[in-house]
Protein backbone atom coordinates (compact mmCIF):
# COMPACT_ATOMS: atom_id res chain seq x y z
CA UNK A 1 -40.12 13.36 -146.23
CA UNK A 2 -43.36 11.52 -145.81
CA UNK A 3 -46.51 12.56 -146.90
CA UNK A 4 -44.90 16.14 -147.80
CA UNK A 5 -43.78 16.67 -144.31
CA UNK A 6 -40.12 16.64 -142.97
CA UNK A 7 -39.24 14.02 -140.43
CA UNK A 8 -36.22 14.11 -137.95
CA UNK A 9 -34.86 11.08 -136.20
CA UNK A 10 -35.11 11.59 -132.02
CA UNK A 11 -31.57 9.44 -131.75
CA UNK A 12 -30.02 11.67 -133.96
CA UNK A 13 -31.06 15.02 -132.72
CA UNK A 14 -29.87 14.32 -128.77
CA UNK A 15 -26.60 15.40 -128.52
CA UNK A 16 -26.69 17.98 -130.94
CA UNK A 17 -25.64 21.38 -130.03
CA UNK A 18 -28.59 24.09 -130.00
CA UNK A 19 -27.33 27.74 -131.11
CA UNK A 20 -29.23 30.86 -130.83
CA UNK A 21 -29.78 33.40 -133.63
CA UNK A 22 -26.37 34.98 -132.96
CA UNK A 23 -24.59 31.53 -133.55
CA UNK A 24 -24.21 31.00 -129.94
CA UNK A 25 -23.79 27.70 -128.34
CA UNK A 26 -26.80 27.53 -125.51
CA UNK A 27 -27.21 23.84 -124.73
CA UNK A 28 -26.96 20.25 -125.99
CA UNK A 29 -30.20 18.62 -126.53
CA UNK A 30 -30.48 15.73 -124.27
CA UNK A 31 -34.43 14.56 -125.17
CA UNK A 32 -37.30 15.01 -127.18
CA UNK A 33 -40.73 15.27 -125.69
CA UNK A 34 -43.72 13.35 -126.93
CA UNK A 35 -47.57 14.43 -125.88
CA UNK A 36 -50.11 11.60 -125.80
CA UNK A 37 -50.80 11.71 -129.51
CA UNK A 38 -48.05 10.69 -130.30
CA UNK A 39 -46.28 14.07 -131.91
CA UNK A 40 -43.12 15.07 -130.69
CA UNK A 41 -43.96 18.59 -128.91
CA UNK A 42 -40.78 20.04 -126.89
CA UNK A 43 -36.90 19.24 -126.91
CA UNK A 44 -35.01 19.21 -123.76
CA UNK A 45 -31.79 21.19 -123.80
CA UNK A 46 -29.03 21.04 -121.09
CA UNK A 47 -27.06 24.59 -120.79
CA UNK A 48 -24.02 22.94 -119.28
CA UNK A 49 -24.56 25.44 -116.23
CA UNK A 50 -24.79 23.45 -113.26
CA UNK A 51 -26.91 21.08 -114.79
CA UNK A 52 -29.83 23.48 -115.56
CA UNK A 53 -31.87 22.53 -118.28
CA UNK A 54 -34.42 24.54 -120.80
CA UNK A 55 -37.48 23.62 -122.42
CA UNK A 56 -37.66 24.33 -126.03
CA UNK A 57 -41.22 23.81 -128.43
CA UNK A 58 -40.49 22.69 -132.04
CA UNK A 59 -41.57 25.33 -133.71
CA UNK A 60 -39.13 27.16 -131.73
CA UNK A 61 -36.23 25.53 -133.25
CA UNK A 62 -34.99 24.62 -137.16
CA UNK A 63 -31.90 23.65 -138.98
CA UNK A 64 -30.54 26.19 -140.25
CA UNK A 65 -27.01 26.14 -142.19
CA UNK A 66 -26.31 22.54 -140.63
CA UNK A 67 -27.18 22.81 -137.26
CA UNK A 68 -29.98 23.36 -134.63
CA UNK A 69 -30.86 26.79 -133.66
CA UNK A 70 -33.35 28.88 -132.12
CA UNK A 71 -34.90 32.65 -132.30
CA UNK A 72 -35.74 32.60 -128.75
CA UNK A 73 -33.26 35.02 -126.39
CA UNK A 74 -32.29 33.04 -123.60
CA UNK A 75 -34.74 35.01 -121.16
CA UNK A 76 -37.40 34.01 -123.04
CA UNK A 77 -36.33 30.19 -122.44
CA UNK A 78 -38.93 28.10 -120.40
CA UNK A 79 -36.68 26.35 -116.99
CA UNK A 80 -37.11 22.40 -117.12
CA UNK A 81 -37.57 20.01 -114.48
CA UNK A 82 -38.53 16.63 -115.05
CA UNK A 83 -40.73 17.30 -111.92
CA UNK A 84 -42.70 19.88 -112.77
CA UNK A 85 -43.79 18.02 -115.61
CA UNK A 86 -44.02 14.47 -114.50
CA UNK A 87 -43.75 14.99 -110.47
CA UNK A 88 -40.62 12.62 -110.39
CA UNK A 89 -37.37 12.06 -112.49
CA UNK A 90 -37.97 11.34 -116.05
């Protein structure tokens, strides 16, 4: 804990599975996106389905029962592509 805030190490999060609220595995966390001010704003999750990736905002995920979980349904998750955010591969 730093200045009253819980911290997480991005290198420890990558490769971790992400589950939905029903306990179903939705994918694996592959990247953490940092905004220009230096704060983590989103994570990229590979669903394992034909290379499909989704982006989850940091407030939409939490650690629960020793694993990463999101309350969002698959229908509410945004598909992620590097081109959409950067114009070229990440």
